[in-house]
PDB file of N, CA and C in Angstrom:
ATOM      1  N   UNK A   1      78.375  17.409 158.843  1.00  0.00           N
ATOM      2  CA  UNK A   1      78.663  18.810 159.044  1.00  0.00           C
ATOM      3  C   UNK A   1      79.511  19.011 160.296  1.00  0.00           C
ATOM      4  N   UNK A   2      79.287  18.168 161.305  1.00  0.00           N
ATOM      5  CA  UNK A   2      80.082  18.295 162.526  1.00  0.00           C
ATOM      6  C   UNK A   2      81.559  17.990 162.283  1.00  0.00           C
ATOM      7  N   UNK A   3      81.819  16.992 161.456  1.00  0.00           N
ATOM      8  CA  UNK A   3      83.204  16.642 161.149  1.00  0.00           C
ATOM      9  C   UNK A   3      83.892  17.829 160.471  1.00  0.00           C
ATOM     10  N   UNK A   4      83.205  18.449 159.551  1.00  0.00           N
ATOM     11  CA  UNK A   4      83.775  19.608 158.852  1.00  0.00           C
ATOM     12  C   UNK A   4      83.960  20.790 159.806  1.00  0.00           C
ATOM     13  N   UNK A   5      82.996  20.991 160.686  1.00  0.00           N
ATOM     14  CA  UNK A   5      83.054  22.116 161.621  1.00  0.00           C
ATOM     15  C   UNK A   5      84.249  22.011 162.572  1.00  0.00           C
ATOM     16  N   UNK A   6      84.532  20.806 163.029  1.00  0.00           N
ATOM     17  CA  UNK A   6      85.614  20.600 163.998  1.00  0.00           C
ATOM     18  C   UNK A   6      86.899  20.073 163.367  1.00  0.00           C
ATOM     19  N   UNK A   7      87.040  20.182 162.053  1.00  0.00           N
ATOM     20  CA  UNK A   7      88.192  19.594 161.371  1.00  0.00           C
ATOM     21  C   UNK A   7      89.534  20.134 161.872  1.00  0.00           C
ATOM     22  N   UNK A   8      89.590  21.404 162.211  1.00  0.00           N
ATOM     23  CA  UNK A   8      90.863  21.983 162.667  1.00  0.00           C
ATOM     24  C   UNK A   8      91.301  21.423 164.013  1.00  0.00           C
ATOM     25  N   UNK A   9      90.353  21.156 164.891  1.00  0.00           N
ATOM     26  CA  UNK A   9      90.717  20.655 166.216  1.00  0.00           C
ATOM     27  C   UNK A   9      90.791  19.121 166.281  1.00  0.00           C
ATOM     28  N   UNK A  10      90.104  18.429 165.378  1.00  0.00           N
ATOM     29  CA  UNK A  10      90.081  16.966 165.416  1.00  0.00           C
ATOM     30  C   UNK A  10      91.182  16.301 164.593  1.00  0.00           C
ATOM     31  N   UNK A  11      91.580  16.933 163.513  1.00  0.00           N
ATOM     32  CA  UNK A  11      92.456  16.252 162.560  1.00  0.00           C
ATOM     33  C   UNK A  11      93.715  17.059 162.266  1.00  0.00           C
ATOM     34  N   UNK A  12      94.798  16.339 162.066  1.00  0.00           N
ATOM     35  CA  UNK A  12      96.042  16.942 161.601  1.00  0.00           C
ATOM     36  C   UNK A  12      95.968  17.027 160.081  1.00  0.00           C
ATOM     37  N   UNK A  13      95.922  18.232 159.539  1.00  0.00           N
ATOM     38  CA  UNK A  13      95.877  18.402 158.096  1.00  0.00           C
ATOM     39  C   UNK A  13      96.381  19.792 157.715  1.00  0.00           C
ATOM     40  N   UNK A  14      97.709  19.964 157.633  1.00  0.00           N
ATOM     41  CA  UNK A  14      98.250  21.264 157.246  1.00  0.00           C
ATOM     42  C   UNK A  14      97.932  21.637 155.804  1.00  0.00           C
ATOM     43  N   UNK A  15      97.414  20.696 155.032  1.00  0.00           N
ATOM     44  CA  UNK A  15      97.049  20.998 153.654  1.00  0.00           C
ATOM     45  C   UNK A  15      95.808  21.886 153.575  1.00  0.00           C
ATOM     46  N   UNK A  16      95.020  21.941 154.649  1.00  0.00           N
ATOM     47  CA  UNK A  16      93.850  22.823 154.662  1.00  0.00           C
ATOM     48  C   UNK A  16      94.295  24.265 154.440  1.00  0.00           C
ATOM     49  N   UNK A  17      95.239  24.721 155.239  1.00  0.00           N
ATOM     50  CA  UNK A  17      95.712  26.098 155.093  1.00  0.00           C
ATOM     51  C   UNK A  17      96.543  26.261 153.820  1.00  0.00           C
ATOM     52  N   UNK A  18      97.248  25.225 153.428  1.00  0.00           N
ATOM     53  CA  UNK A  18      98.033  25.286 152.191  1.00  0.00           C
ATOM     54  C   UNK A  18      97.134  25.553 150.990  1.00  0.00           C
ATOM     55  N   UNK A  19      96.011  24.841 150.906  1.00  0.00           N
ATOM     56  CA  UNK A  19      95.120  25.005 149.761  1.00  0.00           C
ATOM     57  C   UNK A  19      94.262  26.269 149.853  1.00  0.00           C
ATOM     58  N   UNK A  20      94.191  26.878 151.021  1.00  0.00           N
ATOM     59  CA  UNK A  20      93.507  28.167 151.142  1.00  0.00           C
ATOM     60  C   UNK A  20      94.394  29.308 150.656  1.00  0.00           C
ATOM     61  N   UNK A  21      95.694  29.055 150.571  1.00  0.00           N
ATOM     62  CA  UNK A  21      96.638  30.077 150.106  1.00  0.00           C
ATOM     63  C   UNK A  21      96.799  29.949 148.584  1.00  0.00           C
ATOM     64  N   UNK A  22      97.696  30.728 148.041  1.00  0.00           N
ATOM     65  CA  UNK A  22      98.024  30.639 146.622  1.00  0.00           C
ATOM     66  C   UNK A  22      99.006  29.484 146.433  1.00  0.00           C
ATOM     67  N   UNK A  23      98.480  28.274 146.497  1.00  0.00           N
ATOM     68  CA  UNK A  23      99.316  27.078 146.546  1.00  0.00           C
ATOM     69  C   UNK A  23     100.100  26.813 145.264  1.00  0.00           C
ATOM     70  N   UNK A  24      99.686  27.386 144.153  1.00  0.00           N
ATOM     71  CA  UNK A  24     100.409  27.138 142.904  1.00  0.00           C
ATOM     72  C   UNK A  24     101.800  27.773 142.907  1.00  0.00           C
ATOM     73  N   UNK A  25     102.021  28.720 143.804  1.00  0.00           N
ATOM     74  CA  UNK A  25     103.323  29.397 143.887  1.00  0.00           C
ATOM     75  C   UNK A  25     104.248  28.799 144.943  1.00  0.00           C
ATOM     76  N   UNK A  26     103.732  27.930 145.770  1.00  0.00           N
ATOM     77  CA  UNK A  26     104.505  27.414 146.895  1.00  0.00           C
ATOM     78  C   UNK A  26     104.649  25.900 146.793  1.00  0.00           C
ATOM     79  N   UNK A  27     105.606  25.380 147.522  1.00  0.00           N
ATOM     80  CA  UNK A  27     105.717  23.928 147.620  1.00  0.00           C
ATOM     81  C   UNK A  27     104.942  23.472 148.856  1.00  0.00           C
ATOM     82  N   UNK A  28     104.665  22.200 148.905  1.00  0.00           N
ATOM     83  CA  UNK A  28     103.923  21.637 150.033  1.00  0.00           C
ATOM     84  C   UNK A  28     104.707  21.889 151.313  1.00  0.00           C
ATOM     85  N   UNK A  29     104.030  22.322 152.381  1.00  0.00           N
ATOM     86  CA  UNK A  29     104.748  22.589 153.633  1.00  0.00           C
ATOM     87  C   UNK A  29     105.316  21.298 154.236  1.00  0.00           C
ATOM     88  N   UNK A  30     106.187  21.462 155.192  1.00  0.00           N
ATOM     89  CA  UNK A  30     106.734  20.297 155.887  1.00  0.00           C
ATOM     90  C   UNK A  30     105.591  19.538 156.549  1.00  0.00           C
ATOM     91  N   UNK A  31     105.566  18.238 156.341  1.00  0.00           N
ATOM     92  CA  UNK A  31     104.464  17.409 156.832  1.00  0.00           C
ATOM     93  C   UNK A  31     104.986  16.216 157.605  1.00  0.00           C
ATOM     94  N   UNK A  32     104.163  15.757 158.530  1.00  0.00           N
ATOM     95  CA  UNK A  32     104.353  14.447 159.127  1.00  0.00           C
ATOM     96  C   UNK A  32     103.472  13.527 158.285  1.00  0.00           C
ATOM     97  N   UNK A  33     104.057  12.859 157.291  1.00  0.00           N
ATOM     98  CA  UNK A  33     103.296  12.097 156.308  1.00  0.00           C
ATOM     99  C   UNK A  33     102.466  10.992 156.945  1.00  0.00           C
ATOM    100  N   UNK A  34     103.056  10.283 157.878  1.00  0.00           N
ATOM    101  CA  UNK A  34     102.313   9.201 158.530  1.00  0.00           C
ATOM    102  C   UNK A  34     101.093   9.754 159.268  1.00  0.00           C
ATOM    103  N   UNK A  35     101.299  10.819 160.007  1.00  0.00           N
ATOM    104  CA  UNK A  35     100.206  11.425 160.773  1.00  0.00           C
ATOM    105  C   UNK A  35      99.116  11.965 159.839  1.00  0.00           C
ATOM    106  N   UNK A  36      99.524  12.574 158.721  1.00  0.00           N
ATOM    107  CA  UNK A  36      98.558  13.108 157.755  1.00  0.00           C
ATOM    108  C   UNK A  36      97.722  11.990 157.146  1.00  0.00           C
ATOM    109  N   UNK A  37      98.370  10.941 156.683  1.00  0.00           N
ATOM    110  CA  UNK A  37      97.646   9.832 156.063  1.00  0.00           C
ATOM    111  C   UNK A  37      96.766   9.124 157.089  1.00  0.00           C
ATOM    112  N   UNK A  38      97.242   8.970 158.317  1.00  0.00           N
ATOM    113  CA  UNK A  38      96.429   8.355 159.373  1.00  0.00           C
ATOM    114  C   UNK A  38      95.197   9.205 159.677  1.00  0.00           C
ATOM    115  N   UNK A  39      95.348  10.513 159.727  1.00  0.00           N
ATOM    116  CA  UNK A  39      94.215  11.392 160.011  1.00  0.00           C
ATOM    117  C   UNK A  39      93.229  11.449 158.849  1.00  0.00           C
ATOM    118  N   UNK A  40      93.726  11.402 157.636  1.00  0.00           N
ATOM    119  CA  UNK A  40      92.821  11.362 156.485  1.00  0.00           C
ATOM    120  C   UNK A  40      92.079  10.031 156.456  1.00  0.00           C
ATOM    121  N   UNK A  41      92.762   8.956 156.817  1.00  0.00           N
ATOM    122  CA  UNK A  41      92.113   7.646 156.910  1.00  0.00           C
ATOM    123  C   UNK A  41      91.020   7.664 157.988  1.00  0.00           C
ATOM    124  N   UNK A  42      91.322   8.251 159.126  1.00  0.00           N
ATOM    125  CA  UNK A  42      90.329   8.360 160.205  1.00  0.00           C
ATOM    126  C   UNK A  42      89.123   9.176 159.749  1.00  0.00           C
ATOM    127  N   UNK A  43      89.392  10.288 159.095  1.00  0.00           N
ATOM    128  CA  UNK A  43      88.294  11.142 158.633  1.00  0.00           C
ATOM    129  C   UNK A  43      87.452  10.429 157.579  1.00  0.00           C
ATOM    130  N   UNK A  44      88.095   9.713 156.661  1.00  0.00           N
ATOM    131  CA  UNK A  44      87.365   8.938 155.665  1.00  0.00           C
ATOM    132  C   UNK A  44      86.514   7.873 156.357  1.00  0.00           C
ATOM    133  N   UNK A  45      87.088   7.221 157.362  1.00  0.00           N
ATOM    134  CA  UNK A  45      86.345   6.197 158.104  1.00  0.00           C
ATOM    135  C   UNK A  45      85.119   6.760 158.799  1.00  0.00           C
ATOM    136  N   UNK A  46      85.266   7.904 159.453  1.00  0.00           N
ATOM    137  CA  UNK A  46      84.120   8.532 160.117  1.00  0.00           C
ATOM    138  C   UNK A  46      83.046   8.934 159.110  1.00  0.00           C
ATOM    139  N   UNK A  47      83.469   9.534 157.999  1.00  0.00           N
ATOM    140  CA  UNK A  47      82.507   9.906 156.962  1.00  0.00           C
ATOM    141  C   UNK A  47      81.836   8.677 156.359  1.00  0.00           C
ATOM    142  N   UNK A  48      82.586   7.592 156.221  1.00  0.00           N
ATOM    143  CA  UNK A  48      82.012   6.358 155.672  1.00  0.00           C
ATOM    144  C   UNK A  48      80.962   5.784 156.611  1.00  0.00           C
ATOM    145  N   UNK A  49      81.263   5.741 157.895  1.00  0.00           N
ATOM    146  CA  UNK A  49      80.289   5.223 158.869  1.00  0.00           C
ATOM    147  C   UNK A  49      79.015   6.057 158.847  1.00  0.00           C
ATOM    148  N   UNK A  50      79.166   7.364 158.842  1.00  0.00           N
ATOM    149  CA  UNK A  50      77.985   8.239 158.784  1.00  0.00           C
ATOM    150  C   UNK A  50      77.232   8.079 157.471  1.00  0.00           C
ATOM    151  N   UNK A  51      77.951   7.956 156.378  1.00  0.00           N
ATOM    152  CA  UNK A  51      77.322   7.785 155.067  1.00  0.00           C
ATOM    153  C   UNK A  51      76.562   6.464 154.981  1.00  0.00           C
ATOM    154  N   UNK A  52      77.163   5.391 155.491  1.00  0.00           N
ATOM    155  CA  UNK A  52      76.485   4.092 155.470  1.00  0.00           C
ATOM    156  C   UNK A  52      75.247   4.109 156.368  1.00  0.00           C
ATOM    157  N   UNK A  53      75.341   4.829 157.471  1.00  0.00           N
ATOM    158  CA  UNK A  53      74.176   4.975 158.354  1.00  0.00           C
ATOM    159  C   UNK A  53      73.056   5.722 157.631  1.00  0.00           C
ATOM    160  N   UNK A  54      73.398   6.779 156.942  1.00  0.00           N
ATOM    161  CA  UNK A  54      72.396   7.541 156.191  1.00  0.00           C
ATOM    162  C   UNK A  54      71.769   6.671 155.100  1.00  0.00           C
ATOM    163  N   UNK A  55      72.594   5.923 154.373  1.00  0.00           N
ATOM    164  CA  UNK A  55      72.064   5.024 153.338  1.00  0.00           C
ATOM    165  C   UNK A  55      71.152   3.962 153.942  1.00  0.00           C
ATOM    166  N   UNK A  56      71.546   3.428 155.087  1.00  0.00           N
ATOM    167  CA  UNK A  56      70.710   2.432 155.759  1.00  0.00           C
ATOM    168  C   UNK A  56      69.373   3.001 156.194  1.00  0.00           C
ATOM    169  N   UNK A  57      69.386   4.215 156.703  1.00  0.00           N
ATOM    170  CA  UNK A  57      68.139   4.853 157.130  1.00  0.00           C
ATOM    171  C   UNK A  57      67.256   5.240 155.942  1.00  0.00           C
ATOM    172  N   UNK A  58      67.862   5.680 154.869  1.00  0.00           N
ATOM    173  CA  UNK A  58      67.085   6.091 153.697  1.00  0.00           C
ATOM    174  C   UNK A  58      66.449   4.916 152.964  1.00  0.00           C
ATOM    175  N   UNK A  59      67.204   3.832 152.796  1.00  0.00           N
ATOM    176  CA  UNK A  59      66.744   2.743 151.946  1.00  0.00           C
ATOM    177  C   UNK A  59      66.290   1.511 152.709  1.00  0.00           C
ATOM    178  N   UNK A  60      66.625   1.407 153.982  1.00  0.00           N
ATOM    179  CA  UNK A  60      66.233   0.262 154.810  1.00  0.00           C
ATOM    180  C   UNK A  60      66.468  -1.066 154.098  1.00  0.00           C
ATOM    181  N   UNK A  61      67.666  -1.200 153.531  1.00  0.00           N
ATOM    182  CA  UNK A  61      68.016  -2.394 152.771  1.00  0.00           C
ATOM    183  C   UNK A  61      69.474  -2.740 153.072  1.00  0.00           C
ATOM    184  N   UNK A  62      69.675  -3.884 153.713  1.00  0.00           N
ATOM    185  CA  UNK A  62      71.038  -4.295 154.072  1.00  0.00           C
ATOM    186  C   UNK A  62      71.900  -4.558 152.837  1.00  0.00           C
ATOM    187  N   UNK A  63      71.271  -4.961 151.742  1.00  0.00           N
ATOM    188  CA  UNK A  63      72.005  -5.202 150.505  1.00  0.00           C
ATOM    189  C   UNK A  63      72.643  -3.928 149.974  1.00  0.00           C
ATOM    190  N   UNK A  64      71.925  -2.832 150.062  1.00  0.00           N
ATOM    191  CA  UNK A  64      72.461  -1.545 149.618  1.00  0.00           C
ATOM    192  C   UNK A  64      73.624  -1.128 150.500  1.00  0.00           C
ATOM    193  N   UNK A  65      73.480  -1.305 151.797  1.00  0.00           N
ATOM    194  CA  UNK A  65      74.558  -0.933 152.723  1.00  0.00           C
ATOM    195  C   UNK A  65      75.774  -1.818 152.479  1.00  0.00           C
ATOM    196  N   UNK A  66      75.562  -3.089 152.218  1.00  0.00           N
ATOM    197  CA  UNK A  66      76.673  -3.995 151.951  1.00  0.00           C
ATOM    198  C   UNK A  66      77.390  -3.610 150.654  1.00  0.00           C
ATOM    199  N   UNK A  67      76.642  -3.333 149.600  1.00  0.00           N
ATOM    200  CA  UNK A  67      77.237  -2.916 148.336  1.00  0.00           C
ATOM    201  C   UNK A  67      77.984  -1.593 148.499  1.00  0.00           C
ATOM    202  N   UNK A  68      77.377  -0.647 149.212  1.00  0.00           N
ATOM    203  CA  UNK A  68      78.026   0.642 149.446  1.00  0.00           C
ATOM    204  C   UNK A  68      79.316   0.457 150.248  1.00  0.00           C
ATOM    205  N   UNK A  69      79.324  -0.464 151.198  1.00  0.00           N
ATOM    206  CA  UNK A  69      80.532  -0.730 151.987  1.00  0.00           C
ATOM    207  C   UNK A  69      81.665  -1.224 151.100  1.00  0.00           C
ATOM    208  N   UNK A  70      81.339  -2.109 150.175  1.00  0.00           N
ATOM    209  CA  UNK A  70      82.346  -2.620 149.241  1.00  0.00           C
ATOM    210  C   UNK A  70      82.859  -1.494 148.346  1.00  0.00           C
ATOM    211  N   UNK A  71      81.944  -0.677 147.850  1.00  0.00           N
ATOM    212  CA  UNK A  71      82.334   0.447 146.997  1.00  0.00           C
ATOM    213  C   UNK A  71      83.211   1.444 147.751  1.00  0.00           C
ATOM    214  N   UNK A  72      82.860   1.721 149.004  1.00  0.00           N
ATOM    215  CA  UNK A  72      83.672   2.625 149.822  1.00  0.00           C
ATOM    216  C   UNK A  72      85.072   2.051 150.058  1.00  0.00           C
ATOM    217  N   UNK A  73      85.164   0.757 150.285  1.00  0.00           N
ATOM    218  CA  UNK A  73      86.473   0.123 150.506  1.00  0.00           C
ATOM    219  C   UNK A  73      87.337   0.223 149.251  1.00  0.00           C
ATOM    220  N   UNK A  74      86.750  -0.066 148.098  1.00  0.00           N
ATOM    221  CA  UNK A  74      87.486   0.032 146.835  1.00  0.00           C
ATOM    222  C   UNK A  74      87.902   1.484 146.583  1.00  0.00           C
ATOM    223  N   UNK A  75      86.976   2.406 146.791  1.00  0.00           N
ATOM    224  CA  UNK A  75      87.269   3.821 146.602  1.00  0.00           C
ATOM    225  C   UNK A  75      88.409   4.268 147.509  1.00  0.00           C
ATOM    226  N   UNK A  76      88.379   3.828 148.759  1.00  0.00           N
ATOM    227  CA  UNK A  76      89.430   4.215 149.698  1.00  0.00           C
ATOM    228  C   UNK A  76      90.798   3.730 149.238  1.00  0.00           C
ATOM    229  N   UNK A  77      90.887   2.472 148.861  1.00  0.00           N
ATOM    230  CA  UNK A  77      92.174   1.912 148.447  1.00  0.00           C
ATOM    231  C   UNK A  77      92.727   2.675 147.238  1.00  0.00           C
ATOM    232  N   UNK A  78      91.879   2.894 146.238  1.00  0.00           N
ATOM    233  CA  UNK A  78      92.325   3.604 145.032  1.00  0.00           C
ATOM    234  C   UNK A  78      92.737   5.035 145.363  1.00  0.00           C
ATOM    235  N   UNK A  79      91.906   5.740 146.138  1.00  0.00           N
ATOM    236  CA  UNK A  79      92.189   7.142 146.432  1.00  0.00           C
ATOM    237  C   UNK A  79      93.381   7.327 147.370  1.00  0.00           C
ATOM    238  N   UNK A  80      93.540   6.467 148.361  1.00  0.00           N
ATOM    239  CA  UNK A  80      94.658   6.653 149.289  1.00  0.00           C
ATOM    240  C   UNK A  80      95.990   6.351 148.594  1.00  0.00           C
ATOM    241  N   UNK A  81      95.984   5.399 147.683  1.00  0.00           N
ATOM    242  CA  UNK A  81      97.198   5.141 146.888  1.00  0.00           C
ATOM    243  C   UNK A  81      97.492   6.359 146.001  1.00  0.00           C
ATOM    244  N   UNK A  82      96.462   6.862 145.340  1.00  0.00           N
ATOM    245  CA  UNK A  82      96.639   8.045 144.503  1.00  0.00           C
ATOM    246  C   UNK A  82      97.081   9.252 145.300  1.00  0.00           C
ATOM    247  N   UNK A  83      96.477   9.454 146.467  1.00  0.00           N
ATOM    248  CA  UNK A  83      96.824  10.577 147.329  1.00  0.00           C
ATOM    249  C   UNK A  83      98.280  10.491 147.771  1.00  0.00           C
ATOM    250  N   UNK A  84      98.695   9.316 148.209  1.00  0.00           N
ATOM    251  CA  UNK A  84     100.066   9.129 148.672  1.00  0.00           C
ATOM    252  C   UNK A  84     101.059   9.388 147.538  1.00  0.00           C
ATOM    253  N   UNK A  85     100.758   8.860 146.374  1.00  0.00           N
ATOM    254  CA  UNK A  85     101.624   9.089 145.219  1.00  0.00           C
ATOM    255  C   UNK A  85     101.715  10.585 144.898  1.00  0.00           C
ATOM    256  N   UNK A  86     100.562  11.255 144.822  1.00  0.00           N
ATOM    257  CA  UNK A  86     100.552  12.687 144.511  1.00  0.00           C
ATOM    258  C   UNK A  86     101.237  13.510 145.599  1.00  0.00           C
ATOM    259  N   UNK A  87     101.090  13.089 146.830  1.00  0.00           N
ATOM    260  CA  UNK A  87     101.700  13.811 147.944  1.00  0.00           C
ATOM    261  C   UNK A  87     103.222  13.837 147.816  1.00  0.00           C
ATOM    262  N   UNK A  88     103.786  12.724 147.390  1.00  0.00           N
ATOM    263  CA  UNK A  88     105.241  12.636 147.275  1.00  0.00           C
ATOM    264  C   UNK A  88     105.786  13.160 145.945  1.00  0.00           C
ATOM    265  N   UNK A  89     104.969  13.117 144.896  1.00  0.00           N
ATOM    266  CA  UNK A  89     105.500  13.433 143.572  1.00  0.00           C
ATOM    267  C   UNK A  89     104.864  14.643 142.894  1.00  0.00           C
ATOM    268  N   UNK A  90     103.955  15.347 143.558  1.00  0.00           N
ATOM    269  CA  UNK A  90     103.331  16.528 142.950  1.00  0.00           C
ATOM    270  C   UNK A  90     104.256  17.728 143.034  1.00  0.00           C
ATOM    271  N   UNK A  91     104.174  18.530 141.992  1.00  0.00           N
ATOM    272  CA  UNK A  91     104.922  19.789 141.979  1.00  0.00           C
ATOM    273  C   UNK A  91     104.070  20.836 141.279  1.00  0.00           C
ATOM    274  N   UNK A  92     104.069  22.040 141.801  1.00  0.00           N
ATOM    275  CA  UNK A  92     103.435  23.200 141.172  1.00  0.00           C
ATOM    276  C   UNK A  92     102.042  22.977 140.631  1.00  0.00           C
ATOM    277  N   UNK A  93     101.928  22.800 139.327  1.00  0.00           N
ATOM    278  CA  UNK A  93     100.620  22.700 138.689  1.00  0.00           C
ATOM    279  C   UNK A  93      99.897  21.398 139.013  1.00  0.00           C
ATOM    280  N   UNK A  94     100.612  20.388 139.478  1.00  0.00           N
ATOM    281  CA  UNK A  94      99.985  19.110 139.814  1.00  0.00           C
ATOM    282  C   UNK A  94      99.292  19.130 141.170  1.00  0.00           C
ATOM    283  N   UNK A  95      99.414  20.201 141.922  1.00  0.00           N
ATOM    284  CA  UNK A  95      98.753  20.290 143.215  1.00  0.00           C
ATOM    285  C   UNK A  95      97.237  20.249 143.064  1.00  0.00           C
ATOM    286  N   UNK A  96      96.755  20.622 141.898  1.00  0.00           N
ATOM    287  CA  UNK A  96      95.319  20.604 141.645  1.00  0.00           C
ATOM    288  C   UNK A  96      94.771  19.182 141.791  1.00  0.00           C
ATOM    289  N   UNK A  97      95.499  18.197 141.261  1.00  0.00           N
ATOM    290  CA  UNK A  97      95.086  16.793 141.385  1.00  0.00           C
ATOM    291  C   UNK A  97      95.101  16.353 142.840  1.00  0.00           C
ATOM    292  N   UNK A  98      96.150  16.735 143.552  1.00  0.00           N
ATOM    293  CA  UNK A  98      96.251  16.411 144.969  1.00  0.00           C
ATOM    294  C   UNK A  98      95.074  16.996 145.741  1.00  0.00           C
ATOM    295  N   UNK A  99      94.710  18.228 145.417  1.00  0.00           N
ATOM    296  CA  UNK A  99      93.587  18.900 146.073  1.00  0.00           C
ATOM    297  C   UNK A  99      92.295  18.095 145.920  1.00  0.00           C
ATOM    298  N   UNK A 100      91.997  17.657 144.703  1.00  0.00           N
ATOM    299  CA  UNK A 100      90.736  16.958 144.477  1.00  0.00           C
ATOM    300  C   UNK A 100      90.724  15.532 145.014  1.00  0.00           C
ATOM    301  N   UNK A 101      91.835  14.835 144.939  1.00  0.00           N
ATOM    302  CA  UNK A 101      91.883  13.488 145.515  1.00  0.00           C
ATOM    303  C   UNK A 101      91.706  13.589 147.032  1.00  0.00           C
ATOM    304  N   UNK A 102      92.376  14.552 147.649  1.00  0.00           N
ATOM    305  CA  UNK A 102      92.228  14.772 149.091  1.00  0.00           C
ATOM    306  C   UNK A 102      90.793  15.132 149.447  1.00  0.00           C
ATOM    307  N   UNK A 103      90.186  15.974 148.633  1.00  0.00           N
ATOM    308  CA  UNK A 103      88.800  16.383 148.882  1.00  0.00           C
ATOM    309  C   UNK A 103      87.855  15.173 148.862  1.00  0.00           C
ATOM    310  N   UNK A 104      88.061  14.271 147.915  1.00  0.00           N
ATOM    311  CA  UNK A 104      87.218  13.075 147.853  1.00  0.00           C
ATOM    312  C   UNK A 104      87.419  12.196 149.081  1.00  0.00           C
ATOM    313  N   UNK A 105      88.613  12.207 149.654  1.00  0.00           N
ATOM    314  CA  UNK A 105      88.894  11.410 150.844  1.00  0.00           C
ATOM    315  C   UNK A 105      88.322  12.023 152.117  1.00  0.00           C
ATOM    316  N   UNK A 106      88.303  13.351 152.217  1.00  0.00           N
ATOM    317  CA  UNK A 106      87.924  13.968 153.495  1.00  0.00           C
ATOM    318  C   UNK A 106      86.483  14.461 153.540  1.00  0.00           C
ATOM    319  N   UNK A 107      85.795  14.462 152.409  1.00  0.00           N
ATOM    320  CA  UNK A 107      84.406  14.919 152.411  1.00  0.00           C
ATOM    321  C   UNK A 107      83.514  13.811 151.886  1.00  0.00           C
ATOM    322  N   UNK A 108      82.291  13.745 152.342  1.00  0.00           N
ATOM    323  CA  UNK A 108      81.395  12.641 151.949  1.00  0.00           C
ATOM    324  C   UNK A 108      80.764  12.844 150.564  1.00  0.00           C
ATOM    325  N   UNK A 109      81.590  13.135 149.567  1.00  0.00           N
ATOM    326  CA  UNK A 109      81.090  13.378 148.220  1.00  0.00           C
ATOM    327  C   UNK A 109      80.499  12.118 147.588  1.00  0.00           C
ATOM    328  N   UNK A 110      81.058  10.971 147.932  1.00  0.00           N
ATOM    329  CA  UNK A 110      80.576   9.712 147.367  1.00  0.00           C
ATOM    330  C   UNK A 110      79.112   9.454 147.750  1.00  0.00           C
ATOM    331  N   UNK A 111      78.718   9.921 148.927  1.00  0.00           N
ATOM    332  CA  UNK A 111      77.333   9.779 149.367  1.00  0.00           C
ATOM    333  C   UNK A 111      76.394  10.515 148.414  1.00  0.00           C
ATOM    334  N   UNK A 112      76.815  11.670 147.940  1.00  0.00           N
ATOM    335  CA  UNK A 112      75.996  12.456 147.016  1.00  0.00           C
ATOM    336  C   UNK A 112      75.831  11.765 145.667  1.00  0.00           C
ATOM    337  N   UNK A 113      76.728  10.870 145.349  1.00  0.00           N
ATOM    338  CA  UNK A 113      76.615  10.078 144.126  1.00  0.00           C
ATOM    339  C   UNK A 113      75.760   8.836 144.372  1.00  0.00           C
ATOM    340  N   UNK A 114      75.942   8.206 145.531  1.00  0.00           N
ATOM    341  CA  UNK A 114      75.256   6.942 145.807  1.00  0.00           C
ATOM    342  C   UNK A 114      73.753   7.103 146.068  1.00  0.00           C
ATOM    343  N   UNK A 115      73.350   8.160 146.728  1.00  0.00           N
ATOM    344  CA  UNK A 115      71.923   8.323 147.036  1.00  0.00           C
ATOM    345  C   UNK A 115      71.082   8.342 145.757  1.00  0.00           C
ATOM    346  N   UNK A 116      71.372   9.209 144.788  1.00  0.00           N
ATOM    347  CA  UNK A 116      70.551   9.164 143.568  1.00  0.00           C
ATOM    348  C   UNK A 116      70.720   7.860 142.795  1.00  0.00           C
ATOM    349  N   UNK A 117      71.935   7.279 142.803  1.00  0.00           N
ATOM    350  CA  UNK A 117      72.149   6.026 142.080  1.00  0.00           C
ATOM    351  C   UNK A 117      71.283   4.909 142.662  1.00  0.00           C
ATOM    352  N   UNK A 118      71.273   4.758 143.984  1.00  0.00           N
ATOM    353  CA  UNK A 118      70.454   3.721 144.607  1.00  0.00           C
ATOM    354  C   UNK A 118      68.961   4.031 144.480  1.00  0.00           C
ATOM    355  N   UNK A 119      68.614   5.294 144.526  1.00  0.00           N
ATOM    356  CA  UNK A 119      67.209   5.682 144.370  1.00  0.00           C
ATOM    357  C   UNK A 119      66.705   5.284 142.984  1.00  0.00           C
ATOM    358  N   UNK A 120      67.455   5.625 141.946  1.00  0.00           N
ATOM    359  CA  UNK A 120      67.023   5.297 140.581  1.00  0.00           C
ATOM    360  C   UNK A 120      67.089   3.795 140.316  1.00  0.00           C
ATOM    361  N   UNK A 121      68.048   3.118 140.921  1.00  0.00           N
ATOM    362  CA  UNK A 121      68.121   1.670 140.775  1.00  0.00           C
ATOM    363  C   UNK A 121      66.923   1.014 141.420  1.00  0.00           C
ATOM    364  N   UNK A 122      66.544   1.505 142.580  1.00  0.00           N
ATOM    365  CA  UNK A 122      65.389   0.958 143.281  1.00  0.00           C
ATOM    366  C   UNK A 122      64.101   1.256 142.512  1.00  0.00           C
ATOM    367  N   UNK A 123      63.987   2.458 141.995  1.00  0.00           N
ATOM    368  CA  UNK A 123      62.801   2.851 141.233  1.00  0.00           C
ATOM    369  C   UNK A 123      62.683   2.033 139.949  1.00  0.00           C
ATOM    370  N   UNK A 124      63.802   1.814 139.292  1.00  0.00           N
ATOM    371  CA  UNK A 124      63.816   1.030 138.064  1.00  0.00           C
ATOM    372  C   UNK A 124      63.489  -0.431 138.340  1.00  0.00           C
ATOM    373  N   UNK A 125      63.958  -0.928 139.488  1.00  0.00           N
ATOM    374  CA  UNK A 125      63.734  -2.321 139.850  1.00  0.00           C
ATOM    375  C   UNK A 125      62.334  -2.584 140.388  1.00  0.00           C
ATOM    376  N   UNK A 126      61.568  -1.532 140.652  1.00  0.00           N
ATOM    377  CA  UNK A 126      60.195  -1.703 141.107  1.00  0.00           C
ATOM    378  C   UNK A 126      60.055  -1.934 142.598  1.00  0.00           C
ATOM    379  N   UNK A 127      61.082  -1.681 143.364  1.00  0.00           N
ATOM    380  CA  UNK A 127      61.000  -1.899 144.811  1.00  0.00           C
ATOM    381  C   UNK A 127      60.400  -0.729 145.505  1.00  0.00           C
TER     382      UNK A 127
END
C-alpha cells in the first residue's frame, strides 16, 4: 500500500495520468522510454520483494518462496517484453492491452493469485 500511496513521488510514470483521462481519444504522451521501463522494473522489483516476504511469512517454506521467485522472474520477462512491444506499437483501441499489462507489472496482483494457489496446494498435499 505504501508503494501505491507514494507512486507519484517515487516513480516516473506519465501513463498514470494518461490512463486516468479519456485515453481512447488521445495518443500516448511524450515519454522517456528508458526511464519509464526502468521505473516500472524498479516498482515490479519492490513489489516482488514484498510479495516474496509475505509468502515466506505466511507459509514458512523456502520451497514456496523459491518457486514463487522463479514464477515472478518468468512473469517479469514475459510482461516487460509485452509491455515494451505494446508501448511502441499500440494505437487507440489497443491501449486497453497496454493498460492491463502495465497494471500487472506495477501492482502485486500475482500475489493475490499465488496465496490461494499455495494454500490449496499445501492443503491438498497434507502439509
